[in-house]
Amino acid sequence: MRQLVNFCDYFVVCSGNTDRQVKAIADGIDEGLYGLGIKLGSKNAVKQSDWVVFDTGDIVIHVFAKKTREFYNLEYLWQDAKPVKWRKEPRTPSD
């Protein structure tokens, strides 16, 4: 993203099928960032939200309800950005 914009290096875009799933995903991200000691520049979230945004400075994370993600279509808007393949790290027994 940095080659296209001056405010972040990465966008992470994900979605849930219901408001409850969006909230659960957002809560998990919030807890994970806190656990890693990552401070948020800002977080836009409400209880019944169909779009939650986390800004860590270098990374902006968007959590959408499925229909909202389809409507705004950020993947199309930022299609010139180089996609990064997600590689899930193997879990350790303590996870």
PDB file of N, CA and C in Angstrom:
ATOM      1  N   MET A   1       0.820  -1.200   0.000  1.00  0.00           N
ATOM      2  CA  MET A   1       0.000   0.000   0.000  1.00  0.00           C
ATOM      3  C   MET A   1       0.860   1.258   0.000  1.00  0.00           C
ATOM      4  N   ARG A   2       2.059   1.181   0.575  1.00  0.00           N
ATOM      5  CA  ARG A   2       2.870   2.388   0.733  1.00  0.00           C
ATOM      6  C   ARG A   2       3.203   3.031  -0.612  1.00  0.00           C
ATOM      7  N   GLN A   3       3.253   2.250  -1.674  1.00  0.00           N
ATOM      8  CA  GLN A   3       3.524   2.830  -2.991  1.00  0.00           C
ATOM      9  C   GLN A   3       2.328   3.621  -3.519  1.00  0.00           C
ATOM     10  N   LEU A   4       1.139   3.379  -2.941  1.00  0.00           N
ATOM     11  CA  LEU A   4      -0.072   4.055  -3.395  1.00  0.00           C
ATOM     12  C   LEU A   4      -0.556   5.147  -2.442  1.00  0.00           C
ATOM     13  N   VAL A   5      -0.306   4.951  -1.159  1.00  0.00           N
ATOM     14  CA  VAL A   5      -0.785   5.893  -0.145  1.00  0.00           C
ATOM     15  C   VAL A   5       0.331   6.202   0.846  1.00  0.00           C
ATOM     16  N   ASN A   6       0.179   7.267   1.592  1.00  0.00           N
ATOM     17  CA  ASN A   6       1.210   7.630   2.558  1.00  0.00           C
ATOM     18  C   ASN A   6       0.811   7.342   4.001  1.00  0.00           C
ATOM     19  N   PHE A   7      -0.274   6.608   4.216  1.00  0.00           N
ATOM     20  CA  PHE A   7      -0.749   6.416   5.584  1.00  0.00           C
ATOM     21  C   PHE A   7      -0.630   4.993   6.111  1.00  0.00           C
ATOM     22  N   CYS A   8      -0.236   4.020   5.294  1.00  0.00           N
ATOM     23  CA  CYS A   8      -0.058   2.665   5.810  1.00  0.00           C
ATOM     24  C   CYS A   8       0.724   1.809   4.821  1.00  0.00           C
ATOM     25  N   ASP A   9       1.237   0.697   5.338  1.00  0.00           N
ATOM     26  CA  ASP A   9       1.946  -0.266   4.486  1.00  0.00           C
ATOM     27  C   ASP A   9       1.029  -1.381   4.014  1.00  0.00           C
ATOM     28  N   TYR A  10       0.056  -1.749   4.836  1.00  0.00           N
ATOM     29  CA  TYR A  10      -0.824  -2.878   4.520  1.00  0.00           C
ATOM     30  C   TYR A  10      -2.269  -2.568   4.866  1.00  0.00           C
ATOM     31  N   PHE A  11      -3.167  -3.126   4.075  1.00  0.00           N
ATOM     32  CA  PHE A  11      -4.596  -3.211   4.389  1.00  0.00           C
ATOM     33  C   PHE A  11      -4.884  -4.679   4.624  1.00  0.00           C
ATOM     34  N   VAL A  12      -5.614  -4.974   5.665  1.00  0.00           N
ATOM     35  CA  VAL A  12      -6.137  -6.319   5.884  1.00  0.00           C
ATOM     36  C   VAL A  12      -7.642  -6.189   5.770  1.00  0.00           C
ATOM     37  N   VAL A  13      -8.258  -7.011   4.922  1.00  0.00           N
ATOM     38  CA  VAL A  13      -9.703  -6.954   4.707  1.00  0.00           C
ATOM     39  C   VAL A  13     -10.271  -8.337   4.996  1.00  0.00           C
ATOM     40  N   CYS A  14     -11.256  -8.392   5.889  1.00  0.00           N
ATOM     41  CA  CYS A  14     -11.916  -9.660   6.193  1.00  0.00           C
ATOM     42  C   CYS A  14     -13.392  -9.392   6.457  1.00  0.00           C
ATOM     43  N   SER A  15     -14.177 -10.460   6.533  1.00  0.00           N
ATOM     44  CA  SER A  15     -15.614 -10.265   6.721  1.00  0.00           C
ATOM     45  C   SER A  15     -16.237 -11.415   7.489  1.00  0.00           C
ATOM     46  N   GLY A  16     -17.382 -11.098   8.080  1.00  0.00           N
ATOM     47  CA  GLY A  16     -18.225 -12.080   8.752  1.00  0.00           C
ATOM     48  C   GLY A  16     -19.600 -12.048   8.111  1.00  0.00           C
ATOM     49  N   ASN A  17     -20.364 -13.090   8.322  1.00  0.00           N
ATOM     50  CA  ASN A  17     -21.697 -13.186   7.717  1.00  0.00           C
ATOM     51  C   ASN A  17     -22.777 -12.453   8.508  1.00  0.00           C
ATOM     52  N   THR A  18     -22.530 -12.193   9.786  1.00  0.00           N
ATOM     53  CA  THR A  18     -23.522 -11.532  10.641  1.00  0.00           C
ATOM     54  C   THR A  18     -22.834 -10.465  11.489  1.00  0.00           C
ATOM     55  N   ASP A  19     -23.631  -9.570  12.089  1.00  0.00           N
ATOM     56  CA  ASP A  19     -23.069  -8.570  12.998  1.00  0.00           C
ATOM     57  C   ASP A  19     -22.327  -9.246  14.144  1.00  0.00           C
ATOM     58  N   ARG A  20     -22.870 -10.338  14.623  1.00  0.00           N
ATOM     59  CA  ARG A  20     -22.243 -11.079  15.727  1.00  0.00           C
ATOM     60  C   ARG A  20     -20.861 -11.597  15.316  1.00  0.00           C
ATOM     61  N   GLN A  21     -20.745 -12.118  14.094  1.00  0.00           N
ATOM     62  CA  GLN A  21     -19.449 -12.596  13.615  1.00  0.00           C
ATOM     63  C   GLN A  21     -18.469 -11.437  13.433  1.00  0.00           C
ATOM     64  N   VAL A  22     -18.950 -10.323  12.898  1.00  0.00           N
ATOM     65  CA  VAL A  22     -18.087  -9.147  12.734  1.00  0.00           C
ATOM     66  C   VAL A  22     -17.557  -8.714  14.093  1.00  0.00           C
ATOM     67  N   LYS A  23     -18.423  -8.659  15.093  1.00  0.00           N
ATOM     68  CA  LYS A  23     -18.002  -8.267  16.440  1.00  0.00           C
ATOM     69  C   LYS A  23     -17.005  -9.268  17.012  1.00  0.00           C
ATOM     70  N   ALA A  24     -17.244 -10.564  16.809  1.00  0.00           N
ATOM     71  CA  ALA A  24     -16.330 -11.581  17.332  1.00  0.00           C
ATOM     72  C   ALA A  24     -14.957 -11.478  16.665  1.00  0.00           C
ATOM     73  N   ILE A  25     -14.938 -11.269  15.357  1.00  0.00           N
ATOM     74  CA  ILE A  25     -13.668 -11.102  14.644  1.00  0.00           C
ATOM     75  C   ILE A  25     -12.947  -9.861  15.164  1.00  0.00           C
ATOM     76  N   ALA A  26     -13.674  -8.753  15.283  1.00  0.00           N
ATOM     77  CA  ALA A  26     -13.081  -7.504  15.765  1.00  0.00           C
ATOM     78  C   ALA A  26     -12.564  -7.659  17.192  1.00  0.00           C
ATOM     79  N   ASP A  27     -13.321  -8.318  18.042  1.00  0.00           N
ATOM     80  CA  ASP A  27     -12.873  -8.544  19.420  1.00  0.00           C
ATOM     81  C   ASP A  27     -11.597  -9.385  19.439  1.00  0.00           C
ATOM     82  N   GLY A  28     -11.548 -10.412  18.581  1.00  0.00           N
ATOM     83  CA  GLY A  28     -10.350 -11.254  18.502  1.00  0.00           C
ATOM     84  C   GLY A  28      -9.137 -10.470  18.036  1.00  0.00           C
ATOM     85  N   ILE A  29      -9.322  -9.599  17.054  1.00  0.00           N
ATOM     86  CA  ILE A  29      -8.221  -8.759  16.570  1.00  0.00           C
ATOM     87  C   ILE A  29      -7.768  -7.812  17.679  1.00  0.00           C
ATOM     88  N   ASP A  30      -8.726  -7.192  18.349  1.00  0.00           N
ATOM     89  CA  ASP A  30      -8.428  -6.259  19.432  1.00  0.00           C
ATOM     90  C   ASP A  30      -7.613  -6.954  20.522  1.00  0.00           C
ATOM     91  N   GLU A  31      -8.059  -8.141  20.940  1.00  0.00           N
ATOM     92  CA  GLU A  31      -7.353  -8.900  21.977  1.00  0.00           C
ATOM     93  C   GLU A  31      -5.961  -9.325  21.505  1.00  0.00           C
ATOM     94  N   GLY A  32      -5.868  -9.751  20.247  1.00  0.00           N
ATOM     95  CA  GLY A  32      -4.580 -10.172  19.704  1.00  0.00           C
ATOM     96  C   GLY A  32      -3.582  -9.034  19.640  1.00  0.00           C
ATOM     97  N   LEU A  33      -4.034  -7.872  19.186  1.00  0.00           N
ATOM     98  CA  LEU A  33      -3.151  -6.705  19.118  1.00  0.00           C
ATOM     99  C   LEU A  33      -2.699  -6.293  20.514  1.00  0.00           C
ATOM    100  N   TYR A  34      -3.645  -6.302  21.455  1.00  0.00           N
ATOM    101  CA  TYR A  34      -3.308  -5.947  22.842  1.00  0.00           C
ATOM    102  C   TYR A  34      -2.281  -6.931  23.399  1.00  0.00           C
ATOM    103  N   GLY A  35      -2.502  -8.225  23.132  1.00  0.00           N
ATOM    104  CA  GLY A  35      -1.583  -9.251  23.615  1.00  0.00           C
ATOM    105  C   GLY A  35      -0.184  -9.118  23.040  1.00  0.00           C
ATOM    106  N   LEU A  36      -0.086  -8.580  21.848  1.00  0.00           N
ATOM    107  CA  LEU A  36       1.216  -8.356  21.210  1.00  0.00           C
ATOM    108  C   LEU A  36       1.828  -7.017  21.600  1.00  0.00           C
ATOM    109  N   GLY A  37       1.079  -6.227  22.364  1.00  0.00           N
ATOM    110  CA  GLY A  37       1.570  -4.916  22.783  1.00  0.00           C
ATOM    111  C   GLY A  37       1.494  -3.866  21.692  1.00  0.00           C
ATOM    112  N   ILE A  38       0.637  -4.097  20.702  1.00  0.00           N
ATOM    113  CA  ILE A  38       0.495  -3.145  19.596  1.00  0.00           C
ATOM    114  C   ILE A  38      -0.555  -2.108  19.969  1.00  0.00           C
ATOM    115  N   LYS A  39      -0.156  -0.872  19.939  1.00  0.00           N
ATOM    116  CA  LYS A  39      -1.066   0.233  20.265  1.00  0.00           C
ATOM    117  C   LYS A  39      -1.849   0.630  19.020  1.00  0.00           C
ATOM    118  N   LEU A  40      -3.113   0.949  19.216  1.00  0.00           N
ATOM    119  CA  LEU A  40      -3.955   1.385  18.109  1.00  0.00           C
ATOM    120  C   LEU A  40      -3.900   2.891  17.957  1.00  0.00           C
ATOM    121  N   GLY A  41      -3.720   3.335  16.697  1.00  0.00           N
ATOM    122  CA  GLY A  41      -3.838   4.749  16.409  1.00  0.00           C
ATOM    123  C   GLY A  41      -5.292   5.165  16.549  1.00  0.00           C
ATOM    124  N   SER A  42      -6.177   4.296  16.050  1.00  0.00           N
ATOM    125  CA  SER A  42      -7.614   4.525  16.210  1.00  0.00           C
ATOM    126  C   SER A  42      -8.358   3.227  15.959  1.00  0.00           C
ATOM    127  N   LYS A  43      -9.573   3.190  16.484  1.00  0.00           N
ATOM    128  CA  LYS A  43     -10.457   2.050  16.269  1.00  0.00           C
ATOM    129  C   LYS A  43     -11.852   2.600  16.130  1.00  0.00           C
ATOM    130  N   ASN A  44     -12.496   2.272  15.036  1.00  0.00           N
ATOM    131  CA  ASN A  44     -13.864   2.708  14.801  1.00  0.00           C
ATOM    132  C   ASN A  44     -14.749   1.482  14.929  1.00  0.00           C
ATOM    133  N   ALA A  45     -15.493   1.420  16.000  1.00  0.00           N
ATOM    134  CA  ALA A  45     -16.338   0.246  16.205  1.00  0.00           C
ATOM    135  C   ALA A  45     -17.543   0.610  17.059  1.00  0.00           C
ATOM    136  N   VAL A  46     -18.648  -0.026  16.774  1.00  0.00           N
ATOM    137  CA  VAL A  46     -19.845   0.085  17.588  1.00  0.00           C
ATOM    138  C   VAL A  46     -20.409  -1.315  17.776  1.00  0.00           C
ATOM    139  N   LYS A  47     -21.297  -1.477  18.744  1.00  0.00           N
ATOM    140  CA  LYS A  47     -21.834  -2.807  19.016  1.00  0.00           C
ATOM    141  C   LYS A  47     -22.501  -3.447  17.810  1.00  0.00           C
ATOM    142  N   GLN A  48     -23.323  -2.709  17.100  1.00  0.00           N
ATOM    143  CA  GLN A  48     -24.040  -3.247  15.940  1.00  0.00           C
ATOM    144  C   GLN A  48     -23.425  -2.681  14.663  1.00  0.00           C
ATOM    145  N   SER A  49     -22.171  -2.961  14.430  1.00  0.00           N
ATOM    146  CA  SER A  49     -21.480  -2.372  13.293  1.00  0.00           C
ATOM    147  C   SER A  49     -21.340  -3.358  12.152  1.00  0.00           C
ATOM    148  N   ASP A  50     -21.408  -2.850  10.933  1.00  0.00           N
ATOM    149  CA  ASP A  50     -21.175  -3.703   9.772  1.00  0.00           C
ATOM    150  C   ASP A  50     -19.817  -3.403   9.141  1.00  0.00           C
ATOM    151  N   TRP A  51     -19.033  -2.513   9.801  1.00  0.00           N
ATOM    152  CA  TRP A  51     -17.684  -2.210   9.330  1.00  0.00           C
ATOM    153  C   TRP A  51     -16.873  -1.686  10.508  1.00  0.00           C
ATOM    154  N   VAL A  52     -15.843  -2.418  10.889  1.00  0.00           N
ATOM    155  CA  VAL A  52     -14.968  -2.017  11.992  1.00  0.00           C
ATOM    156  C   VAL A  52     -13.583  -1.786  11.405  1.00  0.00           C
ATOM    157  N   VAL A  53     -12.954  -0.692  11.785  1.00  0.00           N
ATOM    158  CA  VAL A  53     -11.625  -0.355  11.269  1.00  0.00           C
ATOM    159  C   VAL A  53     -10.652  -0.205  12.439  1.00  0.00           C
ATOM    160  N   PHE A  54      -9.507  -0.875  12.330  1.00  0.00           N
ATOM    161  CA  PHE A  54      -8.403  -0.736  13.270  1.00  0.00           C
ATOM    162  C   PHE A  54      -7.253  -0.070  12.530  1.00  0.00           C
ATOM    163  N   ASP A  55      -6.599   0.887  13.158  1.00  0.00           N
ATOM    164  CA  ASP A  55      -5.449   1.552  12.554  1.00  0.00           C
ATOM    165  C   ASP A  55      -4.273   1.419  13.511  1.00  0.00           C
ATOM    166  N   THR A  56      -3.279   0.628  13.103  1.00  0.00           N
ATOM    167  CA  THR A  56      -2.091   0.450  13.936  1.00  0.00           C
ATOM    168  C   THR A  56      -0.955   1.352  13.485  1.00  0.00           C
ATOM    169  N   GLY A  57      -1.195   2.161  12.485  1.00  0.00           N
ATOM    170  CA  GLY A  57      -0.149   3.012  11.920  1.00  0.00           C
ATOM    171  C   GLY A  57       0.333   2.431  10.604  1.00  0.00           C
ATOM    172  N   ASP A  58       1.004   1.297  10.664  1.00  0.00           N
ATOM    173  CA  ASP A  58       1.499   0.650   9.446  1.00  0.00           C
ATOM    174  C   ASP A  58       0.457  -0.242   8.795  1.00  0.00           C
ATOM    175  N   ILE A  59      -0.488  -0.719   9.581  1.00  0.00           N
ATOM    176  CA  ILE A  59      -1.502  -1.652   9.088  1.00  0.00           C
ATOM    177  C   ILE A  59      -2.885  -1.107   9.414  1.00  0.00           C
ATOM    178  N   VAL A  60      -3.771  -1.113   8.419  1.00  0.00           N
ATOM    179  CA  VAL A  60      -5.173  -0.753   8.630  1.00  0.00           C
ATOM    180  C   VAL A  60      -5.984  -2.019   8.392  1.00  0.00           C
ATOM    181  N   ILE A  61      -6.777  -2.399   9.379  1.00  0.00           N
ATOM    182  CA  ILE A  61      -7.550  -3.636   9.322  1.00  0.00           C
ATOM    183  C   ILE A  61      -9.028  -3.286   9.201  1.00  0.00           C
ATOM    184  N   HIS A  62      -9.679  -3.846   8.175  1.00  0.00           N
ATOM    185  CA  HIS A  62     -11.105  -3.636   7.948  1.00  0.00           C
ATOM    186  C   HIS A  62     -11.832  -4.953   8.197  1.00  0.00           C
ATOM    187  N   VAL A  63     -12.828  -4.917   9.072  1.00  0.00           N
ATOM    188  CA  VAL A  63     -13.673  -6.080   9.323  1.00  0.00           C
ATOM    189  C   VAL A  63     -15.080  -5.693   8.881  1.00  0.00           C
ATOM    190  N   PHE A  64     -15.577  -6.366   7.858  1.00  0.00           N
ATOM    191  CA  PHE A  64     -16.867  -6.038   7.256  1.00  0.00           C
ATOM    192  C   PHE A  64     -17.915  -7.105   7.507  1.00  0.00           C
ATOM    193  N   ALA A  65     -19.172  -6.696   7.497  1.00  0.00           N
ATOM    194  CA  ALA A  65     -20.262  -7.627   7.244  1.00  0.00           C
ATOM    195  C   ALA A  65     -20.184  -7.948   5.751  1.00  0.00           C
ATOM    196  N   LYS A  66     -20.529  -9.150   5.378  1.00  0.00           N
ATOM    197  CA  LYS A  66     -20.352  -9.605   3.999  1.00  0.00           C
ATOM    198  C   LYS A  66     -20.961  -8.644   2.969  1.00  0.00           C
ATOM    199  N   LYS A  67     -22.205  -8.232   3.188  1.00  0.00           N
ATOM    200  CA  LYS A  67     -22.871  -7.344   2.221  1.00  0.00           C
ATOM    201  C   LYS A  67     -22.197  -5.974   2.152  1.00  0.00           C
ATOM    202  N   THR A  68     -21.720  -5.479   3.278  1.00  0.00           N
ATOM    203  CA  THR A  68     -21.036  -4.189   3.288  1.00  0.00           C
ATOM    204  C   THR A  68     -19.711  -4.287   2.549  1.00  0.00           C
ATOM    205  N   ARG A  69     -19.009  -5.406   2.737  1.00  0.00           N
ATOM    206  CA  ARG A  69     -17.749  -5.606   2.007  1.00  0.00           C
ATOM    207  C   ARG A  69     -17.996  -5.636   0.500  1.00  0.00           C
ATOM    208  N   GLU A  70     -19.053  -6.319   0.092  1.00  0.00           N
ATOM    209  CA  GLU A  70     -19.384  -6.376  -1.334  1.00  0.00           C
ATOM    210  C   GLU A  70     -19.749  -4.987  -1.864  1.00  0.00           C
ATOM    211  N   PHE A  71     -20.470  -4.203  -1.065  1.00  0.00           N
ATOM    212  CA  PHE A  71     -20.893  -2.866  -1.500  1.00  0.00           C
ATOM    213  C   PHE A  71     -19.694  -1.936  -1.695  1.00  0.00           C
ATOM    214  N   TYR A  72     -18.799  -1.874  -0.710  1.00  0.00           N
ATOM    215  CA  TYR A  72     -17.665  -0.955  -0.789  1.00  0.00           C
ATOM    216  C   TYR A  72     -16.522  -1.485  -1.653  1.00  0.00           C
ATOM    217  N   ASN A  73     -16.399  -2.788  -1.760  1.00  0.00           N
ATOM    218  CA  ASN A  73     -15.447  -3.436  -2.668  1.00  0.00           C
ATOM    219  C   ASN A  73     -14.054  -2.809  -2.618  1.00  0.00           C
ATOM    220  N   LEU A  74     -13.455  -2.773  -1.436  1.00  0.00           N
ATOM    221  CA  LEU A  74     -12.129  -2.186  -1.282  1.00  0.00           C
ATOM    222  C   LEU A  74     -11.082  -2.887  -2.137  1.00  0.00           C
ATOM    223  N   GLU A  75     -11.273  -4.174  -2.359  1.00  0.00           N
ATOM    224  CA  GLU A  75     -10.317  -4.904  -3.186  1.00  0.00           C
ATOM    225  C   GLU A  75     -10.249  -4.304  -4.593  1.00  0.00           C
ATOM    226  N   TYR A  76     -11.380  -3.882  -5.117  1.00  0.00           N
ATOM    227  CA  TYR A  76     -11.390  -3.238  -6.434  1.00  0.00           C
ATOM    228  C   TYR A  76     -10.791  -1.829  -6.355  1.00  0.00           C
ATOM    229  N   LEU A  77     -11.189  -1.092  -5.320  1.00  0.00           N
ATOM    230  CA  LEU A  77     -10.711   0.278  -5.152  1.00  0.00           C
ATOM    231  C   LEU A  77      -9.188   0.333  -5.062  1.00  0.00           C
ATOM    232  N   TRP A  78      -8.595  -0.643  -4.391  1.00  0.00           N
ATOM    233  CA  TRP A  78      -7.150  -0.676  -4.197  1.00  0.00           C
ATOM    234  C   TRP A  78      -6.498  -1.784  -5.028  1.00  0.00           C
ATOM    235  N   GLN A  79      -7.047  -2.053  -6.191  1.00  0.00           N
ATOM    236  CA  GLN A  79      -6.549  -3.154  -7.017  1.00  0.00           C
ATOM    237  C   GLN A  79      -5.110  -2.964  -7.493  1.00  0.00           C
ATOM    238  N   ASP A  80      -4.605  -1.749  -7.484  1.00  0.00           N
ATOM    239  CA  ASP A  80      -3.218  -1.516  -7.895  1.00  0.00           C
ATOM    240  C   ASP A  80      -2.211  -1.888  -6.810  1.00  0.00           C
ATOM    241  N   ALA A  81      -2.697  -2.137  -5.607  1.00  0.00           N
ATOM    242  CA  ALA A  81      -1.810  -2.554  -4.523  1.00  0.00           C
ATOM    243  C   ALA A  81      -1.389  -4.006  -4.740  1.00  0.00           C
ATOM    244  N   LYS A  82      -0.169  -4.294  -4.371  1.00  0.00           N
ATOM    245  CA  LYS A  82       0.344  -5.649  -4.523  1.00  0.00           C
ATOM    246  C   LYS A  82      -0.256  -6.546  -3.433  1.00  0.00           C
ATOM    247  N   PRO A  83      -0.958  -7.623  -3.814  1.00  0.00           N
ATOM    248  CA  PRO A  83      -1.501  -8.519  -2.792  1.00  0.00           C
ATOM    249  C   PRO A  83      -0.385  -9.287  -2.086  1.00  0.00           C
ATOM    250  N   VAL A  84      -0.614  -9.562  -0.824  1.00  0.00           N
ATOM    251  CA  VAL A  84       0.331 -10.336  -0.030  1.00  0.00           C
ATOM    252  C   VAL A  84      -0.373 -11.613   0.373  1.00  0.00           C
ATOM    253  N   LYS A  85       0.240 -12.740   0.079  1.00  0.00           N
ATOM    254  CA  LYS A  85      -0.371 -14.020   0.454  1.00  0.00           C
ATOM    255  C   LYS A  85      -0.284 -14.193   1.964  1.00  0.00           C
ATOM    256  N   TRP A  86      -1.395 -14.639   2.523  1.00  0.00           N
ATOM    257  CA  TRP A  86      -1.471 -14.885   3.956  1.00  0.00           C
ATOM    258  C   TRP A  86      -0.926 -16.262   4.235  1.00  0.00           C
ATOM    259  N   ARG A  87      -0.008 -16.339   5.166  1.00  0.00           N
ATOM    260  CA  ARG A  87       0.548 -17.623   5.567  1.00  0.00           C
ATOM    261  C   ARG A  87       0.296 -17.788   7.048  1.00  0.00           C
ATOM    262  N   LYS A  88      -0.541 -18.735   7.367  1.00  0.00           N
ATOM    263  CA  LYS A  88      -0.864 -18.972   8.767  1.00  0.00           C
ATOM    264  C   LYS A  88       0.296 -19.699   9.417  1.00  0.00           C
ATOM    265  N   GLU A  89       0.743 -19.144  10.521  1.00  0.00           N
ATOM    266  CA  GLU A  89       1.830 -19.778  11.251  1.00  0.00           C
ATOM    267  C   GLU A  89       1.288 -21.003  11.973  1.00  0.00           C
ATOM    268  N   PRO A  90       2.069 -22.071  12.041  1.00  0.00           N
ATOM    269  CA  PRO A  90       1.598 -23.247  12.773  1.00  0.00           C
ATOM    270  C   PRO A  90       1.411 -22.921  14.246  1.00  0.00           C
ATOM    271  N   ARG A  91       0.373 -23.473  14.819  1.00  0.00           N
ATOM    272  CA  ARG A  91       0.092 -23.245  16.233  1.00  0.00           C
ATOM    273  C   ARG A  91       1.009 -24.100  17.086  1.00  0.00           C
ATOM    274  N   THR A  92       1.379 -23.568  18.217  1.00  0.00           N
ATOM    275  CA  THR A  92       2.204 -24.336  19.152  1.00  0.00           C
ATOM    276  C   THR A  92       1.283 -24.935  20.202  1.00  0.00           C
ATOM    277  N   PRO A  93       1.729 -25.946  20.921  1.00  0.00           N
ATOM    278  CA  PRO A  93       0.859 -26.561  21.936  1.00  0.00           C
ATOM    279  C   PRO A  93       0.361 -25.590  22.984  1.00  0.00           C
ATOM    280  N   SER A  94       1.063 -24.487  23.223  1.00  0.00           N
ATOM    281  CA  SER A  94       0.622 -23.513  24.238  1.00  0.00           C
ATOM    282  C   SER A  94      -0.470 -22.587  23.731  1.00  0.00           C
ATOM    283  N   ASP A  95      -0.785 -22.611  22.413  1.00  0.00           N
ATOM    284  CA  ASP A  95      -1.814 -21.732  21.846  1.00  0.00           C
ATOM    285  C   ASP A  95      -3.193 -22.188  22.205  1.00  0.00           C
TER     286      ASP A  95
END
